[in-house]
Amino acid sequence: MESFADEAPDEKRARLQADQVRHSLARTAETPEQYQVRFQSQQVRQNASRAVETPQQRQSRLLEDQVHHRVARAAETPEQR
């Protein structure tokens, strides 16, 4: 079997897109209870990882979040603002 490292860029893109479609379908089929469980476990994992962050890691994460937010805002259409 071929490893992911051996994939051509177009194969990787196709695999990632297929994964994204499967992921989206799974999310749309979620019940409110399943969503709540997934959301809560996600919060627990996030809080646990943030609790052990160094000040440098925290600063890096905050800067990355800020850049992500600015890029998303810049991509908004006037109707989305």
PDB file of N, CA and C in Angstrom:
ATOM      1  N   MET A   1       0.843  -1.196   0.000  1.00  0.00           N
ATOM      2  CA  MET A   1       0.000   0.000   0.000  1.00  0.00           C
ATOM      3  C   MET A   1       0.880   1.249   0.000  1.00  0.00           C
ATOM      4  N   GLU A   2       0.510   2.215  -0.743  1.00  0.00           N
ATOM      5  CA  GLU A   2       1.236   3.476  -0.865  1.00  0.00           C
ATOM      6  C   GLU A   2       0.986   4.329   0.380  1.00  0.00           C
ATOM      7  N   SER A   3       2.047   4.941   0.906  1.00  0.00           N
ATOM      8  CA  SER A   3       1.856   5.808   2.069  1.00  0.00           C
ATOM      9  C   SER A   3       1.455   7.201   1.604  1.00  0.00           C
ATOM     10  N   PHE A   4       0.922   7.994   2.540  1.00  0.00           N
ATOM     11  CA  PHE A   4       0.514   9.358   2.195  1.00  0.00           C
ATOM     12  C   PHE A   4       1.699  10.178   1.705  1.00  0.00           C
ATOM     13  N   ALA A   5       2.899   9.880   2.220  1.00  0.00           N
ATOM     14  CA  ALA A   5       4.093  10.633   1.821  1.00  0.00           C
ATOM     15  C   ALA A   5       4.416  10.433   0.344  1.00  0.00           C
ATOM     16  N   ASP A   6       3.992   9.307  -0.228  1.00  0.00           N
ATOM     17  CA  ASP A   6       4.273   9.003  -1.636  1.00  0.00           C
ATOM     18  C   ASP A   6       3.226   9.578  -2.591  1.00  0.00           C
ATOM     19  N   GLU A   7       2.188  10.214  -2.068  1.00  0.00           N
ATOM     20  CA  GLU A   7       1.100  10.729  -2.899  1.00  0.00           C
ATOM     21  C   GLU A   7       1.552  11.892  -3.779  1.00  0.00           C
ATOM     22  N   ALA A   8       1.004  11.929  -4.962  1.00  0.00           N
ATOM     23  CA  ALA A   8       1.190  13.090  -5.831  1.00  0.00           C
ATOM     24  C   ALA A   8       0.278  14.201  -5.308  1.00  0.00           C
ATOM     25  N   PRO A   9       0.610  15.473  -5.568  1.00  0.00           N
ATOM     26  CA  PRO A   9      -0.224  16.570  -5.048  1.00  0.00           C
ATOM     27  C   PRO A   9      -1.703  16.460  -5.424  1.00  0.00           C
ATOM     28  N   ASP A  10      -1.997  16.031  -6.658  1.00  0.00           N
ATOM     29  CA  ASP A  10      -3.410  15.923  -7.049  1.00  0.00           C
ATOM     30  C   ASP A  10      -4.107  14.781  -6.319  1.00  0.00           C
ATOM     31  N   GLU A  11      -3.367  13.703  -6.016  1.00  0.00           N
ATOM     32  CA  GLU A  11      -3.950  12.591  -5.244  1.00  0.00           C
ATOM     33  C   GLU A  11      -4.238  13.047  -3.816  1.00  0.00           C
ATOM     34  N   LYS A  12      -3.299  13.796  -3.259  1.00  0.00           N
ATOM     35  CA  LYS A  12      -3.486  14.294  -1.896  1.00  0.00           C
ATOM     36  C   LYS A  12      -4.697  15.221  -1.839  1.00  0.00           C
ATOM     37  N   ARG A  13      -4.806  16.125  -2.817  1.00  0.00           N
ATOM     38  CA  ARG A  13      -5.929  17.059  -2.859  1.00  0.00           C
ATOM     39  C   ARG A  13      -7.249  16.294  -2.960  1.00  0.00           C
ATOM     40  N   ALA A  14      -7.297  15.276  -3.814  1.00  0.00           N
ATOM     41  CA  ALA A  14      -8.521  14.478  -3.984  1.00  0.00           C
ATOM     42  C   ALA A  14      -8.866  13.743  -2.693  1.00  0.00           C
ATOM     43  N   ARG A  15      -7.849  13.184  -2.023  1.00  0.00           N
ATOM     44  CA  ARG A  15      -8.088  12.468  -0.761  1.00  0.00           C
ATOM     45  C   ARG A  15      -8.596  13.426   0.307  1.00  0.00           C
ATOM     46  N   LEU A  16      -7.973  14.597   0.400  1.00  0.00           N
ATOM     47  CA  LEU A  16      -8.396  15.568   1.406  1.00  0.00           C
ATOM     48  C   LEU A  16      -9.813  16.071   1.139  1.00  0.00           C
ATOM     49  N   GLN A  17     -10.152  16.276  -0.131  1.00  0.00           N
ATOM     50  CA  GLN A  17     -11.513  16.711  -0.472  1.00  0.00           C
ATOM     51  C   GLN A  17     -12.532  15.625  -0.130  1.00  0.00           C
ATOM     52  N   ALA A  18     -12.192  14.368  -0.410  1.00  0.00           N
ATOM     53  CA  ALA A  18     -13.097  13.261  -0.075  1.00  0.00           C
ATOM     54  C   ALA A  18     -13.277  13.165   1.438  1.00  0.00           C
ATOM     55  N   ASP A  19     -12.182  13.339   2.182  1.00  0.00           N
ATOM     56  CA  ASP A  19     -12.267  13.331   3.646  1.00  0.00           C
ATOM     57  C   ASP A  19     -13.173  14.455   4.139  1.00  0.00           C
ATOM     58  N   GLN A  20     -13.043  15.620   3.515  1.00  0.00           N
ATOM     59  CA  GLN A  20     -13.843  16.774   3.902  1.00  0.00           C
ATOM     60  C   GLN A  20     -15.333  16.527   3.637  1.00  0.00           C
ATOM     61  N   VAL A  21     -15.650  15.905   2.518  1.00  0.00           N
ATOM     62  CA  VAL A  21     -17.044  15.586   2.190  1.00  0.00           C
ATOM     63  C   VAL A  21     -17.608  14.597   3.210  1.00  0.00           C
ATOM     64  N   ARG A  22     -16.845  13.535   3.509  1.00  0.00           N
ATOM     65  CA  ARG A  22     -17.305  12.555   4.509  1.00  0.00           C
ATOM     66  C   ARG A  22     -17.535  13.219   5.861  1.00  0.00           C
ATOM     67  N   HIS A  23     -16.611  14.095   6.231  1.00  0.00           N
ATOM     68  CA  HIS A  23     -16.703  14.808   7.501  1.00  0.00           C
ATOM     69  C   HIS A  23     -17.964  15.686   7.530  1.00  0.00           C
ATOM     70  N   SER A  24     -18.215  16.411   6.448  1.00  0.00           N
ATOM     71  CA  SER A  24     -19.399  17.278   6.369  1.00  0.00           C
ATOM     72  C   SER A  24     -20.688  16.469   6.435  1.00  0.00           C
ATOM     73  N   LEU A  25     -20.715  15.339   5.740  1.00  0.00           N
ATOM     74  CA  LEU A  25     -21.905  14.482   5.769  1.00  0.00           C
ATOM     75  C   LEU A  25     -22.158  13.947   7.170  1.00  0.00           C
ATOM     76  N   ALA A  26     -21.090  13.560   7.854  1.00  0.00           N
ATOM     77  CA  ALA A  26     -21.238  13.055   9.222  1.00  0.00           C
ATOM     78  C   ALA A  26     -21.792  14.149  10.131  1.00  0.00           C
ATOM     79  N   ARG A  27     -21.319  15.362   9.959  1.00  0.00           N
ATOM     80  CA  ARG A  27     -21.796  16.482  10.779  1.00  0.00           C
ATOM     81  C   ARG A  27     -23.269  16.779  10.516  1.00  0.00           C
ATOM     82  N   THR A  28     -23.691  16.737   9.261  1.00  0.00           N
ATOM     83  CA  THR A  28     -25.094  17.060   8.959  1.00  0.00           C
ATOM     84  C   THR A  28     -26.033  15.981   9.479  1.00  0.00           C
ATOM     85  N   ALA A  29     -25.533  14.765   9.652  1.00  0.00           N
ATOM     86  CA  ALA A  29     -26.361  13.668  10.150  1.00  0.00           C
ATOM     87  C   ALA A  29     -26.380  13.610  11.679  1.00  0.00           C
ATOM     88  N   GLU A  30     -25.616  14.474  12.329  1.00  0.00           N
ATOM     89  CA  GLU A  30     -25.528  14.489  13.788  1.00  0.00           C
ATOM     90  C   GLU A  30     -26.846  14.901  14.436  1.00  0.00           C
ATOM     91  N   THR A  31     -27.175  14.240  15.531  1.00  0.00           N
ATOM     92  CA  THR A  31     -28.324  14.674  16.328  1.00  0.00           C
ATOM     93  C   THR A  31     -27.851  15.826  17.224  1.00  0.00           C
ATOM     94  N   PRO A  32     -28.771  16.610  17.780  1.00  0.00           N
ATOM     95  CA  PRO A  32     -28.349  17.670  18.712  1.00  0.00           C
ATOM     96  C   PRO A  32     -27.539  17.121  19.897  1.00  0.00           C
ATOM     97  N   GLU A  33     -27.897  15.928  20.364  1.00  0.00           N
ATOM     98  CA  GLU A  33     -27.171  15.321  21.484  1.00  0.00           C
ATOM     99  C   GLU A  33     -25.747  14.949  21.072  1.00  0.00           C
ATOM    100  N   GLN A  34     -25.594  14.400  19.861  1.00  0.00           N
ATOM    101  CA  GLN A  34     -24.258  14.050  19.375  1.00  0.00           C
ATOM    102  C   GLN A  34     -23.406  15.303  19.198  1.00  0.00           C
ATOM    103  N   TYR A  35     -24.031  16.351  18.695  1.00  0.00           N
ATOM    104  CA  TYR A  35     -23.323  17.623  18.538  1.00  0.00           C
ATOM    105  C   TYR A  35     -22.827  18.114  19.897  1.00  0.00           C
ATOM    106  N   GLN A  36     -23.701  18.069  20.888  1.00  0.00           N
ATOM    107  CA  GLN A  36     -23.360  18.549  22.229  1.00  0.00           C
ATOM    108  C   GLN A  36     -22.195  17.756  22.810  1.00  0.00           C
ATOM    109  N   VAL A  37     -22.225  16.439  22.665  1.00  0.00           N
ATOM    110  CA  VAL A  37     -21.141  15.594  23.174  1.00  0.00           C
ATOM    111  C   VAL A  37     -19.833  15.922  22.456  1.00  0.00           C
ATOM    112  N   ARG A  38     -19.896  16.052  21.132  1.00  0.00           N
ATOM    113  CA  ARG A  38     -18.690  16.363  20.355  1.00  0.00           C
ATOM    114  C   ARG A  38     -18.144  17.730  20.744  1.00  0.00           C
ATOM    115  N   PHE A  39     -19.030  18.697  20.878  1.00  0.00           N
ATOM    116  CA  PHE A  39     -18.614  20.047  21.230  1.00  0.00           C
ATOM    117  C   PHE A  39     -17.975  20.082  22.620  1.00  0.00           C
ATOM    118  N   GLN A  40     -18.589  19.408  23.581  1.00  0.00           N
ATOM    119  CA  GLN A  40     -18.054  19.398  24.942  1.00  0.00           C
ATOM    120  C   GLN A  40     -16.700  18.695  25.014  1.00  0.00           C
ATOM    121  N   SER A  41     -16.549  17.570  24.304  1.00  0.00           N
ATOM    122  CA  SER A  41     -15.259  16.873  24.345  1.00  0.00           C
ATOM    123  C   SER A  41     -14.181  17.699  23.651  1.00  0.00           C
ATOM    124  N   GLN A  42     -14.580  18.432  22.626  1.00  0.00           N
ATOM    125  CA  GLN A  42     -13.650  19.337  21.939  1.00  0.00           C
ATOM    126  C   GLN A  42     -13.182  20.436  22.908  1.00  0.00           C
ATOM    127  N   GLN A  43     -14.099  20.967  23.687  1.00  0.00           N
ATOM    128  CA  GLN A  43     -13.748  22.003  24.663  1.00  0.00           C
ATOM    129  C   GLN A  43     -12.815  21.462  25.739  1.00  0.00           C
ATOM    130  N   VAL A  44     -13.074  20.242  26.201  1.00  0.00           N
ATOM    131  CA  VAL A  44     -12.224  19.627  27.224  1.00  0.00           C
ATOM    132  C   VAL A  44     -10.800  19.459  26.693  1.00  0.00           C
ATOM    133  N   ARG A  45     -10.682  18.942  25.449  1.00  0.00           N
ATOM    134  CA  ARG A  45      -9.346  18.773  24.844  1.00  0.00           C
ATOM    135  C   ARG A  45      -8.639  20.110  24.687  1.00  0.00           C
ATOM    136  N   GLN A  46      -9.381  21.102  24.231  1.00  0.00           N
ATOM    137  CA  GLN A  46      -8.792  22.428  24.020  1.00  0.00           C
ATOM    138  C   GLN A  46      -8.334  23.037  25.349  1.00  0.00           C
ATOM    139  N   ASN A  47      -9.157  22.933  26.367  1.00  0.00           N
ATOM    140  CA  ASN A  47      -8.789  23.476  27.677  1.00  0.00           C
ATOM    141  C   ASN A  47      -7.575  22.756  28.254  1.00  0.00           C
ATOM    142  N   ALA A  48      -7.511  21.438  28.065  1.00  0.00           N
ATOM    143  CA  ALA A  48      -6.373  20.670  28.575  1.00  0.00           C
ATOM    144  C   ALA A  48      -5.081  21.086  27.881  1.00  0.00           C
ATOM    145  N   SER A  49      -5.131  21.267  26.570  1.00  0.00           N
ATOM    146  CA  SER A  49      -3.911  21.648  25.857  1.00  0.00           C
ATOM    147  C   SER A  49      -3.507  23.082  26.199  1.00  0.00           C
ATOM    148  N   ARG A  50      -4.475  23.947  26.398  1.00  0.00           N
ATOM    149  CA  ARG A  50      -4.151  25.335  26.763  1.00  0.00           C
ATOM    150  C   ARG A  50      -3.584  25.425  28.174  1.00  0.00           C
ATOM    151  N   ALA A  51      -3.997  24.527  29.046  1.00  0.00           N
ATOM    152  CA  ALA A  51      -3.518  24.549  30.430  1.00  0.00           C
ATOM    153  C   ALA A  51      -2.021  24.270  30.523  1.00  0.00           C
ATOM    154  N   VAL A  52      -1.476  23.545  29.563  1.00  0.00           N
ATOM    155  CA  VAL A  52      -0.046  23.204  29.605  1.00  0.00           C
ATOM    156  C   VAL A  52       0.791  24.028  28.627  1.00  0.00           C
ATOM    157  N   GLU A  53       0.187  25.036  28.009  1.00  0.00           N
ATOM    158  CA  GLU A  53       0.920  25.908  27.091  1.00  0.00           C
ATOM    159  C   GLU A  53       1.969  26.730  27.837  1.00  0.00           C
ATOM    160  N   THR A  54       3.094  26.943  27.176  1.00  0.00           N
ATOM    161  CA  THR A  54       4.073  27.897  27.694  1.00  0.00           C
ATOM    162  C   THR A  54       3.604  29.295  27.287  1.00  0.00           C
ATOM    163  N   PRO A  55       4.117  30.336  27.938  1.00  0.00           N
ATOM    164  CA  PRO A  55       3.743  31.692  27.515  1.00  0.00           C
ATOM    165  C   PRO A  55       4.046  31.947  26.030  1.00  0.00           C
ATOM    166  N   GLN A  56       5.141  31.401  25.537  1.00  0.00           N
ATOM    167  CA  GLN A  56       5.491  31.576  24.124  1.00  0.00           C
ATOM    168  C   GLN A  56       4.480  30.873  23.221  1.00  0.00           C
ATOM    169  N   GLN A  57       4.062  29.664  23.603  1.00  0.00           N
ATOM    170  CA  GLN A  57       3.070  28.931  22.812  1.00  0.00           C
ATOM    171  C   GLN A  57       1.731  29.670  22.815  1.00  0.00           C
ATOM    172  N   ARG A  58       1.379  30.220  23.963  1.00  0.00           N
ATOM    173  CA  ARG A  58       0.122  30.971  24.060  1.00  0.00           C
ATOM    174  C   ARG A  58       0.172  32.192  23.149  1.00  0.00           C
ATOM    175  N   GLN A  59       1.286  32.925  23.206  1.00  0.00           N
ATOM    176  CA  GLN A  59       1.433  34.115  22.370  1.00  0.00           C
ATOM    177  C   GLN A  59       1.359  33.750  20.890  1.00  0.00           C
ATOM    178  N   SER A  60       2.024  32.668  20.522  1.00  0.00           N
ATOM    179  CA  SER A  60       2.014  32.212  19.134  1.00  0.00           C
ATOM    180  C   SER A  60       0.595  31.844  18.697  1.00  0.00           C
ATOM    181  N   ARG A  61      -0.133  31.137  19.563  1.00  0.00           N
ATOM    182  CA  ARG A  61      -1.510  30.745  19.245  1.00  0.00           C
ATOM    183  C   ARG A  61      -2.406  31.971  19.086  1.00  0.00           C
ATOM    184  N   LEU A  62      -2.247  32.938  19.973  1.00  0.00           N
ATOM    185  CA  LEU A  62      -3.068  34.144  19.894  1.00  0.00           C
ATOM    186  C   LEU A  62      -2.776  34.938  18.626  1.00  0.00           C
ATOM    187  N   LEU A  63      -1.506  35.033  18.254  1.00  0.00           N
ATOM    188  CA  LEU A  63      -1.149  35.733  17.013  1.00  0.00           C
ATOM    189  C   LEU A  63      -1.709  35.007  15.794  1.00  0.00           C
ATOM    190  N   GLU A  64      -1.624  33.675  15.820  1.00  0.00           N
ATOM    191  CA  GLU A  64      -2.167  32.873  14.715  1.00  0.00           C
ATOM    192  C   GLU A  64      -3.683  33.059  14.610  1.00  0.00           C
ATOM    193  N   ASP A  65      -4.362  33.065  15.756  1.00  0.00           N
ATOM    194  CA  ASP A  65      -5.810  33.292  15.773  1.00  0.00           C
ATOM    195  C   ASP A  65      -6.153  34.669  15.200  1.00  0.00           C
ATOM    196  N   GLN A  66      -5.336  35.661  15.554  1.00  0.00           N
ATOM    197  CA  GLN A  66      -5.562  37.026  15.079  1.00  0.00           C
ATOM    198  C   GLN A  66      -5.413  37.111  13.556  1.00  0.00           C
ATOM    199  N   VAL A  67      -4.378  36.465  13.031  1.00  0.00           N
ATOM    200  CA  VAL A  67      -4.159  36.453  11.579  1.00  0.00           C
ATOM    201  C   VAL A  67      -5.321  35.751  10.890  1.00  0.00           C
ATOM    202  N   HIS A  68      -5.722  34.597  11.425  1.00  0.00           N
ATOM    203  CA  HIS A  68      -6.835  33.840  10.851  1.00  0.00           C
ATOM    204  C   HIS A  68      -8.100  34.709  10.804  1.00  0.00           C
ATOM    205  N   HIS A  69      -8.359  35.411  11.888  1.00  0.00           N
ATOM    206  CA  HIS A  69      -9.541  36.270  11.969  1.00  0.00           C
ATOM    207  C   HIS A  69      -9.466  37.392  10.932  1.00  0.00           C
ATOM    208  N   ARG A  70      -8.297  38.011  10.804  1.00  0.00           N
ATOM    209  CA  ARG A  70      -8.140  39.112   9.842  1.00  0.00           C
ATOM    210  C   ARG A  70      -8.306  38.631   8.407  1.00  0.00           C
ATOM    211  N   VAL A  71      -7.776  37.451   8.107  1.00  0.00           N
ATOM    212  CA  VAL A  71      -7.920  36.890   6.758  1.00  0.00           C
ATOM    213  C   VAL A  71      -9.391  36.609   6.470  1.00  0.00           C
ATOM    214  N   ALA A  72     -10.079  36.031   7.441  1.00  0.00           N
ATOM    215  CA  ALA A  72     -11.509  35.737   7.265  1.00  0.00           C
ATOM    216  C   ALA A  72     -12.302  37.023   7.059  1.00  0.00           C
ATOM    217  N   ARG A  73     -11.985  38.058   7.817  1.00  0.00           N
ATOM    218  CA  ARG A  73     -12.690  39.344   7.673  1.00  0.00           C
ATOM    219  C   ARG A  73     -12.411  39.974   6.315  1.00  0.00           C
ATOM    220  N   ALA A  74     -11.169  39.877   5.861  1.00  0.00           N
ATOM    221  CA  ALA A  74     -10.801  40.462   4.568  1.00  0.00           C
ATOM    222  C   ALA A  74     -11.514  39.761   3.416  1.00  0.00           C
ATOM    223  N   ALA A  75     -11.844  38.485   3.608  1.00  0.00           N
ATOM    224  CA  ALA A  75     -12.496  37.706   2.554  1.00  0.00           C
ATOM    225  C   ALA A  75     -14.012  37.893   2.531  1.00  0.00           C
ATOM    226  N   GLU A  76     -14.552  38.569   3.543  1.00  0.00           N
ATOM    227  CA  GLU A  76     -16.003  38.769   3.606  1.00  0.00           C
ATOM    228  C   GLU A  76     -16.485  39.685   2.483  1.00  0.00           C
ATOM    229  N   THR A  77     -17.664  39.398   2.010  1.00  0.00           N
ATOM    230  CA  THR A  77     -18.312  40.301   1.054  1.00  0.00           C
ATOM    231  C   THR A  77     -19.013  41.396   1.860  1.00  0.00           C
ATOM    232  N   PRO A  78     -19.364  42.522   1.240  1.00  0.00           N
ATOM    233  CA  PRO A  78     -20.077  43.578   1.987  1.00  0.00           C
ATOM    234  C   PRO A  78     -21.364  43.068   2.652  1.00  0.00           C
ATOM    235  N   GLU A  79     -22.036  42.109   2.019  1.00  0.00           N
ATOM    236  CA  GLU A  79     -23.274  41.560   2.596  1.00  0.00           C
ATOM    237  C   GLU A  79     -23.005  40.777   3.877  1.00  0.00           C
ATOM    238  N   GLN A  80     -21.817  40.204   3.998  1.00  0.00           N
ATOM    239  CA  GLN A  80     -21.490  39.404   5.180  1.00  0.00           C
ATOM    240  C   GLN A  80     -21.055  40.272   6.358  1.00  0.00           C
ATOM    241  N   ARG A  81     -20.729  41.530   6.098  1.00  0.00           N
ATOM    242  CA  ARG A  81     -20.223  42.405   7.168  1.00  0.00           C
ATOM    243  C   ARG A  81     -21.327  42.928   8.044  1.00  0.00           C
TER     244      ARG A  81
END
